[in-house]
PDB file of N, CA and C in Angstrom:
ATOM      1  N   MET A   1      -0.548 -27.135   8.270  1.00  0.00           N
ATOM      2  CA  MET A   1      -0.676 -26.876   6.851  1.00  0.00           C
ATOM      3  C   MET A   1       0.625 -26.257   6.371  1.00  0.00           C
ATOM      4  N   GLY A   2       1.158 -26.798   5.274  1.00  0.00           N
ATOM      5  CA  GLY A   2       2.424 -26.326   4.745  1.00  0.00           C
ATOM      6  C   GLY A   2       2.254 -25.346   3.591  1.00  0.00           C
ATOM      7  N   CYS A   3       3.370 -24.785   3.169  1.00  0.00           N
ATOM      8  CA  CYS A   3       3.362 -23.790   2.089  1.00  0.00           C
ATOM      9  C   CYS A   3       2.755 -24.347   0.797  1.00  0.00           C
ATOM     10  N   ASN A   4       3.094 -25.584   0.444  1.00  0.00           N
ATOM     11  CA  ASN A   4       2.555 -26.173  -0.788  1.00  0.00           C
ATOM     12  C   ASN A   4       1.032 -26.283  -0.727  1.00  0.00           C
ATOM     13  N   ASP A   5       0.522 -26.675   0.438  1.00  0.00           N
ATOM     14  CA  ASP A   5      -0.932 -26.785   0.608  1.00  0.00           C
ATOM     15  C   ASP A   5      -1.602 -25.427   0.427  1.00  0.00           C
ATOM     16  N   VAL A   6      -1.016 -24.402   1.026  1.00  0.00           N
ATOM     17  CA  VAL A   6      -1.584 -23.060   0.947  1.00  0.00           C
ATOM     18  C   VAL A   6      -1.550 -22.561  -0.496  1.00  0.00           C
ATOM     19  N   GLN A   7      -0.439 -22.766  -1.177  1.00  0.00           N
ATOM     20  CA  GLN A   7      -0.310 -22.289  -2.558  1.00  0.00           C
ATOM     21  C   GLN A   7      -1.323 -22.944  -3.485  1.00  0.00           C
ATOM     22  N   ARG A   8      -1.670 -24.199  -3.214  1.00  0.00           N
ATOM     23  CA  ARG A   8      -2.637 -24.898  -4.068  1.00  0.00           C
ATOM     24  C   ARG A   8      -4.048 -24.351  -3.925  1.00  0.00           C
ATOM     25  N   VAL A   9      -4.390 -23.819  -2.759  1.00  0.00           N
ATOM     26  CA  VAL A   9      -5.778 -23.409  -2.519  1.00  0.00           C
ATOM     27  C   VAL A   9      -5.938 -21.909  -2.285  1.00  0.00           C
ATOM     28  N   ILE A  10      -4.900 -21.124  -2.549  1.00  0.00           N
ATOM     29  CA  ILE A  10      -4.960 -19.703  -2.222  1.00  0.00           C
ATOM     30  C   ILE A  10      -6.093 -18.990  -2.963  1.00  0.00           C
ATOM     31  N   TYR A  11      -6.364 -19.367  -4.209  1.00  0.00           N
ATOM     32  CA  TYR A  11      -7.441 -18.703  -4.951  1.00  0.00           C
ATOM     33  C   TYR A  11      -8.815 -19.066  -4.370  1.00  0.00           C
ATOM     34  N   PHE A  12      -8.961 -20.287  -3.892  1.00  0.00           N
ATOM     35  CA  PHE A  12     -10.207 -20.668  -3.226  1.00  0.00           C
ATOM     36  C   PHE A  12     -10.362 -19.885  -1.921  1.00  0.00           C
ATOM     37  N   PHE A  13      -9.244 -19.677  -1.235  1.00  0.00           N
ATOM     38  CA  PHE A  13      -9.252 -18.892  -0.005  1.00  0.00           C
ATOM     39  C   PHE A  13      -9.683 -17.453  -0.305  1.00  0.00           C
ATOM     40  N   LEU A  14      -9.108 -16.867  -1.346  1.00  0.00           N
ATOM     41  CA  LEU A  14      -9.447 -15.491  -1.708  1.00  0.00           C
ATOM     42  C   LEU A  14     -10.897 -15.361  -2.163  1.00  0.00           C
ATOM     43  N   ASP A  15     -11.421 -16.397  -2.781  1.00  0.00           N
ATOM     44  CA  ASP A  15     -12.813 -16.376  -3.243  1.00  0.00           C
ATOM     45  C   ASP A  15     -13.797 -16.775  -2.145  1.00  0.00           C
ATOM     46  N   ASP A  16     -13.288 -17.065  -0.972  1.00  0.00           N
ATOM     47  CA  ASP A  16     -14.119 -17.429   0.179  1.00  0.00           C
ATOM     48  C   ASP A  16     -14.965 -18.672  -0.101  1.00  0.00           C
ATOM     49  N   SER A  17     -14.331 -19.657  -0.748  1.00  0.00           N
ATOM     50  CA  SER A  17     -15.080 -20.866  -1.094  1.00  0.00           C
ATOM     51  C   SER A  17     -14.547 -22.110  -0.371  1.00  0.00           C
ATOM     52  N   LEU A  18     -13.887 -21.899   0.756  1.00  0.00           N
ATOM     53  CA  LEU A  18     -13.401 -23.014   1.557  1.00  0.00           C
ATOM     54  C   LEU A  18     -14.225 -23.130   2.830  1.00  0.00           C
ATOM     55  N   THR A  19     -14.117 -24.277   3.467  1.00  0.00           N
ATOM     56  CA  THR A  19     -14.796 -24.455   4.750  1.00  0.00           C
ATOM     57  C   THR A  19     -14.147 -23.549   5.793  1.00  0.00           C
ATOM     58  N   GLU A  20     -14.868 -23.300   6.859  1.00  0.00           N
ATOM     59  CA  GLU A  20     -14.353 -22.427   7.919  1.00  0.00           C
ATOM     60  C   GLU A  20     -13.052 -22.961   8.500  1.00  0.00           C
ATOM     61  N   SER A  21     -12.980 -24.267   8.700  1.00  0.00           N
ATOM     62  CA  SER A  21     -11.760 -24.828   9.291  1.00  0.00           C
ATOM     63  C   SER A  21     -10.566 -24.659   8.358  1.00  0.00           C
ATOM     64  N   LYS A  22     -10.778 -24.853   7.052  1.00  0.00           N
ATOM     65  CA  LYS A  22      -9.692 -24.653   6.082  1.00  0.00           C
ATOM     66  C   LYS A  22      -9.254 -23.198   6.065  1.00  0.00           C
ATOM     67  N   LYS A  23     -10.248 -22.273   6.078  1.00  0.00           N
ATOM     68  CA  LYS A  23      -9.912 -20.846   6.081  1.00  0.00           C
ATOM     69  C   LYS A  23      -9.091 -20.486   7.313  1.00  0.00           C
ATOM     70  N   GLN A  24      -9.459 -21.050   8.446  1.00  0.00           N
ATOM     71  CA  GLN A  24      -8.713 -20.776   9.682  1.00  0.00           C
ATOM     72  C   GLN A  24      -7.294 -21.327   9.598  1.00  0.00           C
ATOM     73  N   ASP A  25      -7.160 -22.543   9.078  1.00  0.00           N
ATOM     74  CA  ASP A  25      -5.827 -23.141   8.929  1.00  0.00           C
ATOM     75  C   ASP A  25      -4.941 -22.289   8.021  1.00  0.00           C
ATOM     76  N   ILE A  26      -5.505 -21.858   6.912  1.00  0.00           N
ATOM     77  CA  ILE A  26      -4.730 -21.049   5.976  1.00  0.00           C
ATOM     78  C   ILE A  26      -4.402 -19.695   6.595  1.00  0.00           C
ATOM     79  N   GLY A  27      -5.371 -19.101   7.269  1.00  0.00           N
ATOM     80  CA  GLY A  27      -5.137 -17.827   7.932  1.00  0.00           C
ATOM     81  C   GLY A  27      -4.008 -17.912   8.946  1.00  0.00           C
ATOM     82  N   LYS A  28      -3.986 -18.989   9.706  1.00  0.00           N
ATOM     83  CA  LYS A  28      -2.913 -19.192  10.688  1.00  0.00           C
ATOM     84  C   LYS A  28      -1.562 -19.283   9.980  1.00  0.00           C
ATOM     85  N   HIS A  29      -1.534 -20.044   8.897  1.00  0.00           N
ATOM     86  CA  HIS A  29      -0.277 -20.202   8.155  1.00  0.00           C
ATOM     87  C   HIS A  29       0.174 -18.855   7.584  1.00  0.00           C
ATOM     88  N   LEU A  30      -0.762 -18.094   7.025  1.00  0.00           N
ATOM     89  CA  LEU A  30      -0.404 -16.809   6.433  1.00  0.00           C
ATOM     90  C   LEU A  30       0.134 -15.840   7.485  1.00  0.00           C
ATOM     91  N   ASN A  31      -0.338 -15.968   8.716  1.00  0.00           N
ATOM     92  CA  ASN A  31       0.141 -15.095   9.794  1.00  0.00           C
ATOM     93  C   ASN A  31       1.580 -15.384  10.208  1.00  0.00           C
ATOM     94  N   VAL A  32       2.029 -16.617   9.996  1.00  0.00           N
ATOM     95  CA  VAL A  32       3.386 -16.976  10.429  1.00  0.00           C
ATOM     96  C   VAL A  32       4.374 -17.166   9.282  1.00  0.00           C
ATOM     97  N   CYS A  33       3.896 -17.148   8.046  1.00  0.00           N
ATOM     98  CA  CYS A  33       4.766 -17.380   6.891  1.00  0.00           C
ATOM     99  C   CYS A  33       4.766 -16.136   5.997  1.00  0.00           C
ATOM    100  N   PRO A  34       5.802 -15.309   6.096  1.00  0.00           N
ATOM    101  CA  PRO A  34       5.822 -14.083   5.307  1.00  0.00           C
ATOM    102  C   PRO A  34       5.825 -14.340   3.795  1.00  0.00           C
ATOM    103  N   GLU A  35       6.451 -15.422   3.362  1.00  0.00           N
ATOM    104  CA  GLU A  35       6.500 -15.724   1.926  1.00  0.00           C
ATOM    105  C   GLU A  35       5.103 -16.029   1.386  1.00  0.00           C
ATOM    106  N   CYS A  36       4.354 -16.857   2.087  1.00  0.00           N
ATOM    107  CA  CYS A  36       2.994 -17.173   1.646  1.00  0.00           C
ATOM    108  C   CYS A  36       2.084 -15.953   1.769  1.00  0.00           C
ATOM    109  N   GLY A  37       2.300 -15.155   2.815  1.00  0.00           N
ATOM    110  CA  GLY A  37       1.526 -13.931   2.961  1.00  0.00           C
ATOM    111  C   GLY A  37       1.745 -13.001   1.777  1.00  0.00           C
ATOM    112  N   GLN A  38       2.992 -12.875   1.342  1.00  0.00           N
ATOM    113  CA  GLN A  38       3.308 -12.035   0.186  1.00  0.00           C
ATOM    114  C   GLN A  38       2.678 -12.597  -1.089  1.00  0.00           C
ATOM    115  N   ARG A  39       2.761 -13.910  -1.261  1.00  0.00           N
ATOM    116  CA  ARG A  39       2.140 -14.538  -2.442  1.00  0.00           C
ATOM    117  C   ARG A  39       0.632 -14.319  -2.443  1.00  0.00           C
ATOM    118  N   MET A  40       0.016 -14.399  -1.269  1.00  0.00           N
ATOM    119  CA  MET A  40      -1.421 -14.188  -1.178  1.00  0.00           C
ATOM    120  C   MET A  40      -1.777 -12.754  -1.550  1.00  0.00           C
ATOM    121  N   ARG A  41      -1.000 -11.788  -1.073  1.00  0.00           N
ATOM    122  CA  ARG A  41      -1.278 -10.386  -1.407  1.00  0.00           C
ATOM    123  C   ARG A  41      -1.120 -10.131  -2.901  1.00  0.00           C
ATOM    124  N   ILE A  42      -0.108 -10.723  -3.514  1.00  0.00           N
ATOM    125  CA  ILE A  42       0.092 -10.582  -4.966  1.00  0.00           C
ATOM    126  C   ILE A  42      -1.063 -11.229  -5.714  1.00  0.00           C
ATOM    127  N   SER A  43      -1.450 -12.425  -5.310  1.00  0.00           N
ATOM    128  CA  SER A  43      -2.572 -13.118  -5.962  1.00  0.00           C
ATOM    129  C   SER A  43      -3.853 -12.307  -5.852  1.00  0.00           C
ATOM    130  N   LYS A  44      -4.072 -11.706  -4.700  1.00  0.00           N
ATOM    131  CA  LYS A  44      -5.269 -10.879  -4.493  1.00  0.00           C
ATOM    132  C   LYS A  44      -5.240  -9.657  -5.392  1.00  0.00           C
ATOM    133  N   ARG A  45      -4.092  -9.026  -5.524  1.00  0.00           N
ATOM    134  CA  ARG A  45      -3.980  -7.855  -6.396  1.00  0.00           C
ATOM    135  C   ARG A  45      -4.246  -8.228  -7.855  1.00  0.00           C
ATOM    136  N   ILE A  46      -3.723  -9.360  -8.287  1.00  0.00           N
ATOM    137  CA  ILE A  46      -3.944  -9.815  -9.669  1.00  0.00           C
ATOM    138  C   ILE A  46      -5.421 -10.108  -9.886  1.00  0.00           C
ATOM    139  N   ARG A  47      -6.023 -10.842  -8.955  1.00  0.00           N
ATOM    140  CA  ARG A  47      -7.446 -11.170  -9.067  1.00  0.00           C
ATOM    141  C   ARG A  47      -8.300  -9.904  -9.095  1.00  0.00           C
ATOM    142  N   ASP A  48      -8.022  -8.985  -8.192  1.00  0.00           N
ATOM    143  CA  ASP A  48      -8.787  -7.737  -8.136  1.00  0.00           C
ATOM    144  C   ASP A  48      -8.602  -6.904  -9.409  1.00  0.00           C
ATOM    145  N   PHE A  49      -7.398  -6.886  -9.946  1.00  0.00           N
ATOM    146  CA  PHE A  49      -7.122  -6.164 -11.189  1.00  0.00           C
ATOM    147  C   PHE A  49      -8.014  -6.681 -12.315  1.00  0.00           C
ATOM    148  N   PHE A  50      -8.043  -7.997 -12.490  1.00  0.00           N
ATOM    149  CA  PHE A  50      -8.851  -8.571 -13.569  1.00  0.00           C
ATOM    150  C   PHE A  50     -10.340  -8.389 -13.321  1.00  0.00           C
ATOM    151  N   ARG A  51     -10.764  -8.507 -12.090  1.00  0.00           N
ATOM    152  CA  ARG A  51     -12.192  -8.310 -11.791  1.00  0.00           C
ATOM    153  C   ARG A  51     -12.640  -6.891 -12.131  1.00  0.00           C
ATOM    154  N   ARG A  52     -11.800  -5.911 -11.868  1.00  0.00           N
ATOM    155  CA  ARG A  52     -12.159  -4.527 -12.176  1.00  0.00           C
ATOM    156  C   ARG A  52     -12.206  -4.272 -13.675  1.00  0.00           C
ATOM    157  N   ARG A  53     -11.372  -4.958 -14.430  1.00  0.00           N
ATOM    158  CA  ARG A  53     -11.243  -4.656 -15.847  1.00  0.00           C
ATOM    159  C   ARG A  53     -12.064  -5.537 -16.780  1.00  0.00           C
ATOM    160  N   MET A  54     -12.555  -6.623 -16.263  1.00  0.00           N
ATOM    161  CA  MET A  54     -13.338  -7.514 -17.117  1.00  0.00           C
ATOM    162  C   MET A  54     -14.804  -7.113 -17.093  1.00  0.00           C
ATOM    163  N   GLN A  55     -15.370  -7.009 -18.264  1.00  0.00           N
ATOM    164  CA  GLN A  55     -16.791  -6.712 -18.385  1.00  0.00           C
ATOM    165  C   GLN A  55     -17.568  -8.021 -18.411  1.00  0.00           C
ATOM    166  N   GLN A  56     -18.743  -7.965 -17.842  1.00  0.00           N
ATOM    167  CA  GLN A  56     -19.614  -9.125 -17.962  1.00  0.00           C
ATOM    168  C   GLN A  56     -20.423  -8.952 -19.234  1.00  0.00           C
ATOM    169  N   ILE A  57     -20.271  -9.907 -20.126  1.00  0.00           N
ATOM    170  CA  ILE A  57     -20.983  -9.876 -21.393  1.00  0.00           C
ATOM    171  C   ILE A  57     -21.933 -11.064 -21.402  1.00  0.00           C
ATOM    172  N   PRO A  58     -23.224 -10.798 -21.552  1.00  0.00           N
ATOM    173  CA  PRO A  58     -24.172 -11.923 -21.548  1.00  0.00           C
ATOM    174  C   PRO A  58     -23.960 -12.825 -22.773  1.00  0.00           C
ATOM    175  N   ALA A  59     -24.136 -14.104 -22.542  1.00  0.00           N
ATOM    176  CA  ALA A  59     -24.010 -15.071 -23.634  1.00  0.00           C
ATOM    177  C   ALA A  59     -25.225 -14.949 -24.553  1.00  0.00           C
ATOM    178  N   PRO A  60     -25.017 -15.142 -25.849  1.00  0.00           N
ATOM    179  CA  PRO A  60     -26.147 -15.119 -26.784  1.00  0.00           C
ATOM    180  C   PRO A  60     -27.150 -16.228 -26.458  1.00  0.00           C
ATOM    181  N   GLU A  61     -28.407 -15.968 -26.699  1.00  0.00           N
ATOM    182  CA  GLU A  61     -29.469 -16.941 -26.398  1.00  0.00           C
ATOM    183  C   GLU A  61     -29.254 -18.260 -27.133  1.00  0.00           C
ATOM    184  N   ARG A  62     -28.811 -18.182 -28.371  1.00  0.00           N
ATOM    185  CA  ARG A  62     -28.578 -19.411 -29.148  1.00  0.00           C
ATOM    186  C   ARG A  62     -27.532 -20.290 -28.463  1.00  0.00           C
ATOM    187  N   PHE A  63     -26.468 -19.664 -27.941  1.00  0.00           N
ATOM    188  CA  PHE A  63     -25.435 -20.412 -27.231  1.00  0.00           C
ATOM    189  C   PHE A  63     -25.997 -21.053 -25.959  1.00  0.00           C
ATOM    190  N   LYS A  64     -26.784 -20.296 -25.195  1.00  0.00           N
ATOM    191  CA  LYS A  64     -27.386 -20.822 -23.973  1.00  0.00           C
ATOM    192  C   LYS A  64     -28.258 -22.034 -24.265  1.00  0.00           C
ATOM    193  N   THR A  65     -29.032 -21.946 -25.336  1.00  0.00           N
ATOM    194  CA  THR A  65     -29.914 -23.049 -25.715  1.00  0.00           C
ATOM    195  C   THR A  65     -29.095 -24.291 -26.071  1.00  0.00           C
ATOM    196  N   ARG A  66     -28.056 -24.110 -26.888  1.00  0.00           N
ATOM    197  CA  ARG A  66     -27.213 -25.244 -27.294  1.00  0.00           C
ATOM    198  C   ARG A  66     -26.507 -25.853 -26.084  1.00  0.00           C
ATOM    199  N   LEU A  67     -26.032 -25.012 -25.179  1.00  0.00           N
ATOM    200  CA  LEU A  67     -25.352 -25.498 -23.987  1.00  0.00           C
ATOM    201  C   LEU A  67     -26.305 -26.297 -23.100  1.00  0.00           C
ATOM    202  N   SER A  68     -27.503 -25.784 -22.911  1.00  0.00           N
ATOM    203  CA  SER A  68     -28.505 -26.498 -22.099  1.00  0.00           C
ATOM    204  C   SER A  68     -28.825 -27.861 -22.692  1.00  0.00           C
ATOM    205  N   ARG A  69     -28.987 -27.920 -24.012  1.00  0.00           N
ATOM    206  CA  ARG A  69     -29.257 -29.210 -24.671  1.00  0.00           C
ATOM    207  C   ARG A  69     -28.098 -30.175 -24.479  1.00  0.00           C
ATOM    208  N   SER A  70     -26.883 -29.673 -24.602  1.00  0.00           N
ATOM    209  CA  SER A  70     -25.709 -30.531 -24.430  1.00  0.00           C
ATOM    210  C   SER A  70     -25.632 -31.076 -23.016  1.00  0.00           C
ATOM    211  N   ILE A  71     -25.908 -30.232 -22.046  1.00  0.00           N
ATOM    212  CA  ILE A  71     -25.868 -30.677 -20.651  1.00  0.00           C
ATOM    213  C   ILE A  71     -26.937 -31.729 -20.391  1.00  0.00           C
ATOM    214  N   ARG A  72     -28.133 -31.504 -20.914  1.00  0.00           N
ATOM    215  CA  ARG A  72     -29.196 -32.510 -20.742  1.00  0.00           C
ATOM    216  C   ARG A  72     -28.803 -33.825 -21.399  1.00  0.00           C
ATOM    217  N   ALA A  73     -28.167 -33.764 -22.565  1.00  0.00           N
ATOM    218  CA  ALA A  73     -27.763 -34.978 -23.259  1.00  0.00           C
ATOM    219  C   ALA A  73     -26.709 -35.742 -22.452  1.00  0.00           C
ATOM    220  N   ILE A  74     -25.797 -35.026 -21.834  1.00  0.00           N
ATOM    221  CA  ILE A  74     -24.772 -35.666 -21.018  1.00  0.00           C
ATOM    222  C   ILE A  74     -25.405 -36.318 -19.793  1.00  0.00           C
ATOM    223  N   ARG A  75     -26.351 -35.630 -19.166  1.00  0.00           N
ATOM    224  CA  ARG A  75     -27.020 -36.189 -17.989  1.00  0.00           C
ATOM    225  C   ARG A  75     -27.752 -37.475 -18.332  1.00  0.00           C
ATOM    226  N   VAL A  76     -28.348 -37.527 -19.507  1.00  0.00           N
ATOM    227  CA  VAL A  76     -29.082 -38.712 -19.927  1.00  0.00           C
ATOM    228  C   VAL A  76     -28.131 -39.886 -20.100  1.00  0.00           C
ATOM    229  N   ASP A  77     -26.925 -39.614 -20.618  1.00  0.00           N
ATOM    230  CA  ASP A  77     -25.929 -40.677 -20.817  1.00  0.00           C
ATOM    231  C   ASP A  77     -25.451 -41.274 -19.506  1.00  0.00           C
ATOM    232  N   PHE A  78     -25.448 -40.498 -18.455  1.00  0.00           N
ATOM    233  CA  PHE A  78     -24.982 -40.995 -17.164  1.00  0.00           C
ATOM    234  C   PHE A  78     -26.146 -41.510 -16.393  1.00  0.00           C
TER     235      PHE A  78
END
């Protein structure tokens, strides 16, 4: 796995949403590539910063209803 591959999926890696084999491949690369390791640490700090500062605000019921109807309409078209 090369640097470009790691950079494309680093956020998925940080969110733990990759397969075990992909996580292992990326982990191996991060252990031997100081540049990618540094980028990963910076990305993690940025992600953690926003997660701490963003509030979860529930969507209004009217919006949820409209969104559900739109999704059902799209499913019917396909």
